[in-house]
Amino acid sequence: MSIEEKVYNFIITNHVGKENMIKNRQLRIYFPQIRSDKSMRKVIQNIRSNPRFTIFIGSVSGSTGGYFACTSHKEINDTIDNLMRRAYQIYEDCKIYRSKEVIEFAKR
């Protein structure tokens, strides 16, 4: 069984609904082979993009956030809206970075 299958099965069994979400750090206690927040986010991304996993894994970002198995369209849409806001903020940051004029380069 892949790590994605294990994480998916754990979440859909133990963390159903936004009110029962689990923090990234807490989730990694059950899966010590996943050593960082970034690695767990990648596992969740893999789960979400794989059509074999039919229950959507929702998330709330930030210090009070976590992962959960969605129980409604609202929970799915809230997760997607959150991801879209984050993507838009990254896009806006990139526009600012591109518009900055280079004053000088660091010396090697």
PDB file of N, CA and C in Angstrom:
ATOM      1  N   MET A   1       0.849  -1.186   0.000  1.00  0.00           N
ATOM      2  CA  MET A   1       0.000   0.000   0.000  1.00  0.00           C
ATOM      3  C   MET A   1       0.891   1.245   0.000  1.00  0.00           C
ATOM      4  N   SER A   2       0.577   2.200  -0.875  1.00  0.00           N
ATOM      5  CA  SER A   2       1.372   3.426  -0.979  1.00  0.00           C
ATOM      6  C   SER A   2       1.127   4.333   0.228  1.00  0.00           C
ATOM      7  N   ILE A   3       2.023   5.287   0.413  1.00  0.00           N
ATOM      8  CA  ILE A   3       1.857   6.236   1.513  1.00  0.00           C
ATOM      9  C   ILE A   3       0.590   7.071   1.299  1.00  0.00           C
ATOM     10  N   GLU A   4       0.273   7.385   0.041  1.00  0.00           N
ATOM     11  CA  GLU A   4      -0.948   8.135  -0.241  1.00  0.00           C
ATOM     12  C   GLU A   4      -2.176   7.346   0.201  1.00  0.00           C
ATOM     13  N   GLU A   5      -2.198   6.053  -0.091  1.00  0.00           N
ATOM     14  CA  GLU A   5      -3.328   5.214   0.329  1.00  0.00           C
ATOM     15  C   GLU A   5      -3.450   5.165   1.846  1.00  0.00           C
ATOM     16  N   LYS A   6      -2.320   5.057   2.521  1.00  0.00           N
ATOM     17  CA  LYS A   6      -2.339   4.993   3.987  1.00  0.00           C
ATOM     18  C   LYS A   6      -2.859   6.296   4.594  1.00  0.00           C
ATOM     19  N   VAL A   7      -2.348   7.422   4.105  1.00  0.00           N
ATOM     20  CA  VAL A   7      -2.778   8.726   4.629  1.00  0.00           C
ATOM     21  C   VAL A   7      -4.255   8.948   4.319  1.00  0.00           C
ATOM     22  N   TYR A   8      -4.656   8.651   3.094  1.00  0.00           N
ATOM     23  CA  TYR A   8      -6.057   8.808   2.687  1.00  0.00           C
ATOM     24  C   TYR A   8      -6.980   7.986   3.581  1.00  0.00           C
ATOM     25  N   ASN A   9      -6.666   6.718   3.742  1.00  0.00           N
ATOM     26  CA  ASN A   9      -7.508   5.841   4.569  1.00  0.00           C
ATOM     27  C   ASN A   9      -7.571   6.325   6.013  1.00  0.00           C
ATOM     28  N   PHE A  10      -6.448   6.816   6.528  1.00  0.00           N
ATOM     29  CA  PHE A  10      -6.419   7.332   7.896  1.00  0.00           C
ATOM     30  C   PHE A  10      -7.342   8.543   8.035  1.00  0.00           C
ATOM     31  N   ILE A  11      -7.240   9.473   7.095  1.00  0.00           N
ATOM     32  CA  ILE A  11      -8.052  10.693   7.183  1.00  0.00           C
ATOM     33  C   ILE A  11      -9.535  10.378   7.023  1.00  0.00           C
ATOM     34  N   ILE A  12      -9.899   9.565   6.027  1.00  0.00           N
ATOM     35  CA  ILE A  12     -11.336   9.321   5.795  1.00  0.00           C
ATOM     36  C   ILE A  12     -11.954   8.455   6.886  1.00  0.00           C
ATOM     37  N   THR A  13     -11.119   7.797   7.676  1.00  0.00           N
ATOM     38  CA  THR A  13     -11.618   6.983   8.788  1.00  0.00           C
ATOM     39  C   THR A  13     -11.695   7.777  10.088  1.00  0.00           C
ATOM     40  N   ASN A  14     -10.714   8.633  10.324  1.00  0.00           N
ATOM     41  CA  ASN A  14     -10.573   9.279  11.632  1.00  0.00           C
ATOM     42  C   ASN A  14     -10.835  10.783  11.667  1.00  0.00           C
ATOM     43  N   HIS A  15     -10.893  11.422  10.515  1.00  0.00           N
ATOM     44  CA  HIS A  15     -10.994  12.891  10.494  1.00  0.00           C
ATOM     45  C   HIS A  15     -12.020  13.327   9.452  1.00  0.00           C
ATOM     46  N   VAL A  16     -13.268  12.999   9.728  1.00  0.00           N
ATOM     47  CA  VAL A  16     -14.374  13.274   8.810  1.00  0.00           C
ATOM     48  C   VAL A  16     -15.027  14.598   9.199  1.00  0.00           C
ATOM     49  N   GLY A  17     -15.066  15.523   8.251  1.00  0.00           N
ATOM     50  CA  GLY A  17     -15.654  16.834   8.497  1.00  0.00           C
ATOM     51  C   GLY A  17     -14.634  17.832   9.013  1.00  0.00           C
ATOM     52  N   LYS A  18     -14.851  19.089   8.658  1.00  0.00           N
ATOM     53  CA  LYS A  18     -13.938  20.171   9.044  1.00  0.00           C
ATOM     54  C   LYS A  18     -13.749  20.255  10.555  1.00  0.00           C
ATOM     55  N   GLU A  19     -14.810  19.960  11.299  1.00  0.00           N
ATOM     56  CA  GLU A  19     -14.731  20.050  12.765  1.00  0.00           C
ATOM     57  C   GLU A  19     -13.804  18.988  13.359  1.00  0.00           C
ATOM     58  N   ASN A  20     -13.399  18.000  12.569  1.00  0.00           N
ATOM     59  CA  ASN A  20     -12.522  16.922  13.044  1.00  0.00           C
ATOM     60  C   ASN A  20     -11.163  16.925  12.349  1.00  0.00           C
ATOM     61  N   MET A  21     -10.751  18.083  11.843  1.00  0.00           N
ATOM     62  CA  MET A  21      -9.493  18.122  11.093  1.00  0.00           C
ATOM     63  C   MET A  21      -8.291  17.811  11.982  1.00  0.00           C
ATOM     64  N   ILE A  22      -7.220  17.387  11.311  1.00  0.00           N
ATOM     65  CA  ILE A  22      -5.968  17.065  11.994  1.00  0.00           C
ATOM     66  C   ILE A  22      -4.867  17.942  11.413  1.00  0.00           C
ATOM     67  N   LYS A  23      -4.044  18.476  12.284  1.00  0.00           N
ATOM     68  CA  LYS A  23      -2.932  19.323  11.855  1.00  0.00           C
ATOM     69  C   LYS A  23      -1.873  18.486  11.134  1.00  0.00           C
ATOM     70  N   ASN A  24      -1.157  19.127  10.236  1.00  0.00           N
ATOM     71  CA  ASN A  24      -0.085  18.478   9.487  1.00  0.00           C
ATOM     72  C   ASN A  24       0.888  17.786  10.447  1.00  0.00           C
ATOM     73  N   ARG A  25       1.331  18.510  11.445  1.00  0.00           N
ATOM     74  CA  ARG A  25       2.308  17.986  12.410  1.00  0.00           C
ATOM     75  C   ARG A  25       1.767  16.756  13.134  1.00  0.00           C
ATOM     76  N   GLN A  26       0.497  16.808  13.536  1.00  0.00           N
ATOM     77  CA  GLN A  26      -0.113  15.658  14.217  1.00  0.00           C
ATOM     78  C   GLN A  26      -0.240  14.467  13.275  1.00  0.00           C
ATOM     79  N   LEU A  27      -0.597  14.734  12.035  1.00  0.00           N
ATOM     80  CA  LEU A  27      -0.744  13.666  11.045  1.00  0.00           C
ATOM     81  C   LEU A  27       0.585  12.953  10.819  1.00  0.00           C
ATOM     82  N   ARG A  28       1.667  13.712  10.813  1.00  0.00           N
ATOM     83  CA  ARG A  28       2.991  13.114  10.601  1.00  0.00           C
ATOM     84  C   ARG A  28       3.434  12.220  11.753  1.00  0.00           C
ATOM     85  N   ILE A  29       2.845  12.368  12.922  1.00  0.00           N
ATOM     86  CA  ILE A  29       3.158  11.459  14.030  1.00  0.00           C
ATOM     87  C   ILE A  29       2.771  10.031  13.652  1.00  0.00           C
ATOM     88  N   TYR A  30       1.669   9.891  12.927  1.00  0.00           N
ATOM     89  CA  TYR A  30       1.199   8.571  12.505  1.00  0.00           C
ATOM     90  C   TYR A  30       1.962   8.042  11.290  1.00  0.00           C
ATOM     91  N   PHE A  31       2.662   8.923  10.594  1.00  0.00           N
ATOM     92  CA  PHE A  31       3.409   8.558   9.393  1.00  0.00           C
ATOM     93  C   PHE A  31       4.816   9.147   9.480  1.00  0.00           C
ATOM     94  N   PRO A  32       5.672   8.566  10.341  1.00  0.00           N
ATOM     95  CA  PRO A  32       7.000   9.155  10.578  1.00  0.00           C
ATOM     96  C   PRO A  32       7.902   9.161   9.342  1.00  0.00           C
ATOM     97  N   GLN A  33       7.554   8.377   8.329  1.00  0.00           N
ATOM     98  CA  GLN A  33       8.353   8.395   7.099  1.00  0.00           C
ATOM     99  C   GLN A  33       8.161   9.702   6.330  1.00  0.00           C
ATOM    100  N   ILE A  34       7.115  10.452   6.656  1.00  0.00           N
ATOM    101  CA  ILE A  34       6.898  11.777   6.070  1.00  0.00           C
ATOM    102  C   ILE A  34       7.500  12.773   7.056  1.00  0.00           C
ATOM    103  N   ARG A  35       8.627  13.353   6.692  1.00  0.00           N
ATOM    104  CA  ARG A  35       9.439  14.079   7.662  1.00  0.00           C
ATOM    105  C   ARG A  35       9.222  15.597   7.712  1.00  0.00           C
ATOM    106  N   SER A  36       8.419  16.139   6.818  1.00  0.00           N
ATOM    107  CA  SER A  36       8.259  17.602   6.826  1.00  0.00           C
ATOM    108  C   SER A  36       6.843  17.996   6.414  1.00  0.00           C
ATOM    109  N   ASP A  37       6.476  19.229   6.767  1.00  0.00           N
ATOM    110  CA  ASP A  37       5.181  19.774   6.343  1.00  0.00           C
ATOM    111  C   ASP A  37       5.069  19.750   4.826  1.00  0.00           C
ATOM    112  N   LYS A  38       6.148  20.151   4.162  1.00  0.00           N
ATOM    113  CA  LYS A  38       6.156  20.204   2.700  1.00  0.00           C
ATOM    114  C   LYS A  38       5.903  18.824   2.097  1.00  0.00           C
ATOM    115  N   SER A  39       6.529  17.799   2.655  1.00  0.00           N
ATOM    116  CA  SER A  39       6.332  16.435   2.149  1.00  0.00           C
ATOM    117  C   SER A  39       4.895  15.973   2.348  1.00  0.00           C
ATOM    118  N   MET A  40       4.290  16.324   3.483  1.00  0.00           N
ATOM    119  CA  MET A  40       2.897  15.941   3.710  1.00  0.00           C
ATOM    120  C   MET A  40       1.980  16.684   2.742  1.00  0.00           C
ATOM    121  N   ARG A  41       2.261  17.958   2.489  1.00  0.00           N
ATOM    122  CA  ARG A  41       1.449  18.702   1.517  1.00  0.00           C
ATOM    123  C   ARG A  41       1.509  18.043   0.143  1.00  0.00           C
ATOM    124  N   LYS A  42       2.677  17.521  -0.225  1.00  0.00           N
ATOM    125  CA  LYS A  42       2.823  16.828  -1.512  1.00  0.00           C
ATOM    126  C   LYS A  42       1.996  15.547  -1.530  1.00  0.00           C
ATOM    127  N   VAL A  43       1.982  14.805  -0.433  1.00  0.00           N
ATOM    128  CA  VAL A  43       1.163  13.589  -0.343  1.00  0.00           C
ATOM    129  C   VAL A  43      -0.310  13.954  -0.528  1.00  0.00           C
ATOM    130  N   ILE A  44      -0.765  15.011   0.146  1.00  0.00           N
ATOM    131  CA  ILE A  44      -2.162  15.446   0.021  1.00  0.00           C
ATOM    132  C   ILE A  44      -2.452  15.881  -1.414  1.00  0.00           C
ATOM    133  N   GLN A  45      -1.524  16.592  -2.029  1.00  0.00           N
ATOM    134  CA  GLN A  45      -1.691  17.003  -3.428  1.00  0.00           C
ATOM    135  C   GLN A  45      -1.834  15.775  -4.330  1.00  0.00           C
ATOM    136  N   ASN A  46      -1.017  14.758  -4.090  1.00  0.00           N
ATOM    137  CA  ASN A  46      -1.097  13.523  -4.877  1.00  0.00           C
ATOM    138  C   ASN A  46      -2.451  12.843  -4.694  1.00  0.00           C
ATOM    139  N   ILE A  47      -2.942  12.831  -3.467  1.00  0.00           N
ATOM    140  CA  ILE A  47      -4.254  12.231  -3.188  1.00  0.00           C
ATOM    141  C   ILE A  47      -5.340  12.992  -3.941  1.00  0.00           C
ATOM    142  N   ARG A  48      -5.313  14.299  -3.846  1.00  0.00           N
ATOM    143  CA  ARG A  48      -6.354  15.115  -4.480  1.00  0.00           C
ATOM    144  C   ARG A  48      -6.371  14.960  -5.997  1.00  0.00           C
ATOM    145  N   SER A  49      -5.215  14.766  -6.589  1.00  0.00           N
ATOM    146  CA  SER A  49      -5.152  14.705  -8.053  1.00  0.00           C
ATOM    147  C   SER A  49      -5.363  13.297  -8.610  1.00  0.00           C
ATOM    148  N   ASN A  50      -5.451  12.300  -7.742  1.00  0.00           N
ATOM    149  CA  ASN A  50      -5.618  10.915  -8.191  1.00  0.00           C
ATOM    150  C   ASN A  50      -7.103  10.544  -8.184  1.00  0.00           C
ATOM    151  N   PRO A  51      -7.668  10.187  -9.340  1.00  0.00           N
ATOM    152  CA  PRO A  51      -9.106   9.876  -9.396  1.00  0.00           C
ATOM    153  C   PRO A  51      -9.519   8.636  -8.604  1.00  0.00           C
ATOM    154  N   ARG A  52      -8.565   7.806  -8.207  1.00  0.00           N
ATOM    155  CA  ARG A  52      -8.896   6.629  -7.385  1.00  0.00           C
ATOM    156  C   ARG A  52      -9.396   7.020  -6.001  1.00  0.00           C
ATOM    157  N   PHE A  53      -8.964   8.176  -5.518  1.00  0.00           N
ATOM    158  CA  PHE A  53      -9.372   8.635  -4.190  1.00  0.00           C
ATOM    159  C   PHE A  53     -10.614   9.509  -4.361  1.00  0.00           C
ATOM    160  N   THR A  54     -11.768   8.940  -4.103  1.00  0.00           N
ATOM    161  CA  THR A  54     -13.030   9.597  -4.461  1.00  0.00           C
ATOM    162  C   THR A  54     -13.578  10.537  -3.393  1.00  0.00           C
ATOM    163  N   ILE A  55     -13.097  10.433  -2.166  1.00  0.00           N
ATOM    164  CA  ILE A  55     -13.509  11.372  -1.117  1.00  0.00           C
ATOM    165  C   ILE A  55     -12.489  12.506  -1.096  1.00  0.00           C
ATOM    166  N   PHE A  56     -12.981  13.733  -1.230  1.00  0.00           N
ATOM    167  CA  PHE A  56     -12.088  14.884  -1.304  1.00  0.00           C
ATOM    168  C   PHE A  56     -11.493  15.179   0.065  1.00  0.00           C
ATOM    169  N   ILE A  57     -10.172  15.386   0.091  1.00  0.00           N
ATOM    170  CA  ILE A  57      -9.487  15.766   1.329  1.00  0.00           C
ATOM    171  C   ILE A  57      -9.431  17.291   1.372  1.00  0.00           C
ATOM    172  N   GLY A  58     -10.143  17.859   2.329  1.00  0.00           N
ATOM    173  CA  GLY A  58     -10.187  19.302   2.491  1.00  0.00           C
ATOM    174  C   GLY A  58      -9.067  19.787   3.390  1.00  0.00           C
ATOM    175  N   SER A  59      -8.894  21.090   3.397  1.00  0.00           N
ATOM    176  CA  SER A  59      -7.871  21.665   4.273  1.00  0.00           C
ATOM    177  C   SER A  59      -8.218  23.101   4.616  1.00  0.00           C
ATOM    178  N   VAL A  60      -7.674  23.512   5.743  1.00  0.00           N
ATOM    179  CA  VAL A  60      -7.712  24.899   6.185  1.00  0.00           C
ATOM    180  C   VAL A  60      -6.258  25.270   6.428  1.00  0.00           C
ATOM    181  N   SER A  61      -5.813  26.397   5.863  1.00  0.00           N
ATOM    182  CA  SER A  61      -4.414  26.779   6.028  1.00  0.00           C
ATOM    183  C   SER A  61      -4.222  27.603   7.292  1.00  0.00           C
ATOM    184  N   GLY A  62      -2.977  27.765   7.652  1.00  0.00           N
ATOM    185  CA  GLY A  62      -2.646  28.580   8.811  1.00  0.00           C
ATOM    186  C   GLY A  62      -2.441  27.769  10.074  1.00  0.00           C
ATOM    187  N   SER A  63      -2.135  28.472  11.144  1.00  0.00           N
ATOM    188  CA  SER A  63      -1.786  27.806  12.407  1.00  0.00           C
ATOM    189  C   SER A  63      -2.954  27.054  13.025  1.00  0.00           C
ATOM    190  N   THR A  64      -4.173  27.415  12.671  1.00  0.00           N
ATOM    191  CA  THR A  64      -5.337  26.711  13.221  1.00  0.00           C
ATOM    192  C   THR A  64      -5.906  25.698  12.234  1.00  0.00           C
ATOM    193  N   GLY A  65      -5.221  25.498  11.122  1.00  0.00           N
ATOM    194  CA  GLY A  65      -5.732  24.647  10.053  1.00  0.00           C
ATOM    195  C   GLY A  65      -5.389  23.182  10.192  1.00  0.00           C
ATOM    196  N   GLY A  66      -5.721  22.438   9.142  1.00  0.00           N
ATOM    197  CA  GLY A  66      -5.443  21.018   9.101  1.00  0.00           C
ATOM    198  C   GLY A  66      -6.151  20.362   7.930  1.00  0.00           C
ATOM    199  N   TYR A  67      -6.176  19.026   7.944  1.00  0.00           N
ATOM    200  CA  TYR A  67      -6.768  18.227   6.878  1.00  0.00           C
ATOM    201  C   TYR A  67      -7.961  17.448   7.398  1.00  0.00           C
ATOM    202  N   PHE A  68      -8.905  17.165   6.490  1.00  0.00           N
ATOM    203  CA  PHE A  68     -10.111  16.430   6.867  1.00  0.00           C
ATOM    204  C   PHE A  68     -10.773  15.867   5.617  1.00  0.00           C
ATOM    205  N   ALA A  69     -11.610  14.862   5.795  1.00  0.00           N
ATOM    206  CA  ALA A  69     -12.420  14.322   4.709  1.00  0.00           C
ATOM    207  C   ALA A  69     -13.670  15.183   4.587  1.00  0.00           C
ATOM    208  N   CYS A  70     -13.907  15.724   3.402  1.00  0.00           N
ATOM    209  CA  CYS A  70     -15.048  16.620   3.193  1.00  0.00           C
ATOM    210  C   CYS A  70     -16.368  15.866   3.265  1.00  0.00           C
ATOM    211  N   THR A  71     -17.352  16.520   3.877  1.00  0.00           N
ATOM    212  CA  THR A  71     -18.686  15.933   4.016  1.00  0.00           C
ATOM    213  C   THR A  71     -19.751  16.718   3.260  1.00  0.00           C
ATOM    214  N   SER A  72     -19.344  17.806   2.586  1.00  0.00           N
ATOM    215  CA  SER A  72     -20.324  18.629   1.870  1.00  0.00           C
ATOM    216  C   SER A  72     -19.638  19.385   0.735  1.00  0.00           C
ATOM    217  N   HIS A  73     -20.461  19.875  -0.190  1.00  0.00           N
ATOM    218  CA  HIS A  73     -19.934  20.724  -1.260  1.00  0.00           C
ATOM    219  C   HIS A  73     -19.326  21.995  -0.674  1.00  0.00           C
ATOM    220  N   LYS A  74     -19.887  22.507   0.400  1.00  0.00           N
ATOM    221  CA  LYS A  74     -19.357  23.722   1.026  1.00  0.00           C
ATOM    222  C   LYS A  74     -17.915  23.508   1.492  1.00  0.00           C
ATOM    223  N   GLU A  75     -17.641  22.370   2.130  1.00  0.00           N
ATOM    224  CA  GLU A  75     -16.269  22.099   2.585  1.00  0.00           C
ATOM    225  C   GLU A  75     -15.317  21.986   1.398  1.00  0.00           C
ATOM    226  N   ILE A  76     -15.758  21.367   0.316  1.00  0.00           N
ATOM    227  CA  ILE A  76     -14.920  21.273  -0.884  1.00  0.00           C
ATOM    228  C   ILE A  76     -14.684  22.670  -1.454  1.00  0.00           C
ATOM    229  N   ASN A  77     -15.755  23.439  -1.606  1.00  0.00           N
ATOM    230  CA  ASN A  77     -15.627  24.785  -2.181  1.00  0.00           C
ATOM    231  C   ASN A  77     -14.799  25.710  -1.309  1.00  0.00           C
ATOM    232  N   ASP A  78     -14.924  25.607   0.002  1.00  0.00           N
ATOM    233  CA  ASP A  78     -14.098  26.415   0.908  1.00  0.00           C
ATOM    234  C   ASP A  78     -12.622  26.084   0.726  1.00  0.00           C
ATOM    235  N   THR A  79     -12.312  24.798   0.570  1.00  0.00           N
ATOM    236  CA  THR A  79     -10.926  24.381   0.351  1.00  0.00           C
ATOM    237  C   THR A  79     -10.412  24.941  -0.969  1.00  0.00           C
ATOM    238  N   ILE A  80     -11.192  24.804  -2.024  1.00  0.00           N
ATOM    239  CA  ILE A  80     -10.777  25.305  -3.336  1.00  0.00           C
ATOM    240  C   ILE A  80     -10.615  26.824  -3.301  1.00  0.00           C
ATOM    241  N   ASP A  81     -11.539  27.532  -2.661  1.00  0.00           N
ATOM    242  CA  ASP A  81     -11.425  28.994  -2.536  1.00  0.00           C
ATOM    243  C   ASP A  81     -10.147  29.384  -1.806  1.00  0.00           C
ATOM    244  N   ASN A  82      -9.814  28.661  -0.754  1.00  0.00           N
ATOM    245  CA  ASN A  82      -8.594  28.924  -0.001  1.00  0.00           C
ATOM    246  C   ASN A  82      -7.365  28.723  -0.891  1.00  0.00           C
ATOM    247  N   LEU A  83      -7.337  27.642  -1.653  1.00  0.00           N
ATOM    248  CA  LEU A  83      -6.212  27.376  -2.555  1.00  0.00           C
ATOM    249  C   LEU A  83      -6.115  28.461  -3.627  1.00  0.00           C
ATOM    250  N   MET A  84      -7.266  28.906  -4.140  1.00  0.00           N
ATOM    251  CA  MET A  84      -7.275  29.962  -5.157  1.00  0.00           C
ATOM    252  C   MET A  84      -6.743  31.284  -4.584  1.00  0.00           C
ATOM    253  N   ARG A  85      -7.121  31.623  -3.363  1.00  0.00           N
ATOM    254  CA  ARG A  85      -6.603  32.849  -2.724  1.00  0.00           C
ATOM    255  C   ARG A  85      -5.085  32.775  -2.585  1.00  0.00           C
ATOM    256  N   ARG A  86      -4.591  31.623  -2.158  1.00  0.00           N
ATOM    257  CA  ARG A  86      -3.140  31.464  -2.002  1.00  0.00           C
ATOM    258  C   ARG A  86      -2.433  31.570  -3.351  1.00  0.00           C
ATOM    259  N   ALA A  87      -3.000  30.942  -4.382  1.00  0.00           N
ATOM    260  CA  ALA A  87      -2.411  31.006  -5.721  1.00  0.00           C
ATOM    261  C   ALA A  87      -2.413  32.446  -6.243  1.00  0.00           C
ATOM    262  N   TYR A  88      -3.501  33.166  -6.018  1.00  0.00           N
ATOM    263  CA  TYR A  88      -3.596  34.550  -6.468  1.00  0.00           C
ATOM    264  C   TYR A  88      -2.557  35.419  -5.760  1.00  0.00           C
ATOM    265  N   GLN A  89      -2.356  35.187  -4.470  1.00  0.00           N
ATOM    266  CA  GLN A  89      -1.361  35.966  -3.731  1.00  0.00           C
ATOM    267  C   GLN A  89       0.041  35.706  -4.279  1.00  0.00           C
ATOM    268  N   ILE A  90       0.348  34.464  -4.604  1.00  0.00           N
ATOM    269  CA  ILE A  90       1.649  34.142  -5.203  1.00  0.00           C
ATOM    270  C   ILE A  90       1.787  34.845  -6.550  1.00  0.00           C
ATOM    271  N   TYR A  91       0.734  34.808  -7.350  1.00  0.00           N
ATOM    272  CA  TYR A  91       0.730  35.490  -8.648  1.00  0.00           C
ATOM    273  C   TYR A  91       0.986  36.990  -8.478  1.00  0.00           C
ATOM    274  N   GLU A  92       0.302  37.620  -7.538  1.00  0.00           N
ATOM    275  CA  GLU A  92       0.494  39.053  -7.289  1.00  0.00           C
ATOM    276  C   GLU A  92       1.923  39.340  -6.830  1.00  0.00           C
ATOM    277  N   ASP A  93       2.470  38.481  -5.980  1.00  0.00           N
ATOM    278  CA  ASP A  93       3.858  38.650  -5.540  1.00  0.00           C
ATOM    279  C   ASP A  93       4.806  38.584  -6.735  1.00  0.00           C
ATOM    280  N   CYS A  94       4.580  37.632  -7.639  1.00  0.00           N
ATOM    281  CA  CYS A  94       5.439  37.485  -8.817  1.00  0.00           C
ATOM    282  C   CYS A  94       5.385  38.726  -9.702  1.00  0.00           C
ATOM    283  N   LYS A  95       4.222  39.339  -9.842  1.00  0.00           N
ATOM    284  CA  LYS A  95       4.113  40.576 -10.623  1.00  0.00           C
ATOM    285  C   LYS A  95       4.971  41.671  -9.992  1.00  0.00           C
ATOM    286  N   ILE A  96       4.960  41.760  -8.676  1.00  0.00           N
ATOM    287  CA  ILE A  96       5.781  42.759  -7.979  1.00  0.00           C
ATOM    288  C   ILE A  96       7.259  42.471  -8.212  1.00  0.00           C
ATOM    289  N   TYR A  97       7.655  41.202  -8.080  1.00  0.00           N
ATOM    290  CA  TYR A  97       9.068  40.843  -8.256  1.00  0.00           C
ATOM    291  C   TYR A  97       9.537  41.172  -9.671  1.00  0.00           C
ATOM    292  N   ARG A  98       8.704  40.904 -10.670  1.00  0.00           N
ATOM    293  CA  ARG A  98       9.076  41.189 -12.061  1.00  0.00           C
ATOM    294  C   ARG A  98       9.196  42.694 -12.308  1.00  0.00           C
ATOM    295  N   SER A  99       8.440  43.490 -11.599  1.00  0.00           N
ATOM    296  CA  SER A  99       8.448  44.935 -11.843  1.00  0.00           C
ATOM    297  C   SER A  99       9.608  45.644 -11.137  1.00  0.00           C
ATOM    298  N   LYS A 100      10.253  44.968 -10.213  1.00  0.00           N
ATOM    299  CA  LYS A 100      11.355  45.610  -9.486  1.00  0.00           C
ATOM    300  C   LYS A 100      12.556  45.777 -10.411  1.00  0.00           C
ATOM    301  N   GLU A 101      13.156  46.939 -10.324  1.00  0.00           N
ATOM    302  CA  GLU A 101      14.376  47.162 -11.083  1.00  0.00           C
ATOM    303  C   GLU A 101      15.555  46.698 -10.241  1.00  0.00           C
ATOM    304  N   VAL A 102      16.488  46.051 -10.905  1.00  0.00           N
ATOM    305  CA  VAL A 102      17.678  45.578 -10.202  1.00  0.00           C
ATOM    306  C   VAL A 102      18.584  46.772  -9.949  1.00  0.00           C
ATOM    307  N   ILE A 103      18.914  46.970  -8.687  1.00  0.00           N
ATOM    308  CA  ILE A 103      19.804  48.071  -8.325  1.00  0.00           C
ATOM    309  C   ILE A 103      21.250  47.618  -8.499  1.00  0.00           C
ATOM    310  N   GLU A 104      21.538  46.466  -7.989  1.00  0.00           N
ATOM    311  CA  GLU A 104      22.848  45.865  -8.220  1.00  0.00           C
ATOM    312  C   GLU A 104      22.760  44.386  -7.887  1.00  0.00           C
ATOM    313  N   PHE A 105      23.726  43.640  -8.354  1.00  0.00           N
ATOM    314  CA  PHE A 105      23.773  42.204  -8.114  1.00  0.00           C
ATOM    315  C   PHE A 105      24.750  41.900  -6.992  1.00  0.00           C
ATOM    316  N   ALA A 106      24.513  40.835  -6.307  1.00  0.00           N
ATOM    317  CA  ALA A 106      25.434  40.396  -5.259  1.00  0.00           C
ATOM    318  C   ALA A 106      26.755  39.973  -5.894  1.00  0.00           C
ATOM    319  N   LYS A 107      27.827  40.173  -5.183  1.00  0.00           N
ATOM    320  CA  LYS A 107      29.156  39.758  -5.656  1.00  0.00           C
ATOM    321  C   LYS A 107      29.387  38.303  -5.294  1.00  0.00           C
ATOM    322  N   ARG A 108      30.031  37.583  -6.172  1.00  0.00           N
ATOM    323  CA  ARG A 108      30.367  36.171  -5.902  1.00  0.00           C
ATOM    324  C   ARG A 108      31.702  36.077  -5.237  1.00  0.00           C
TER     325      ARG A 108
END
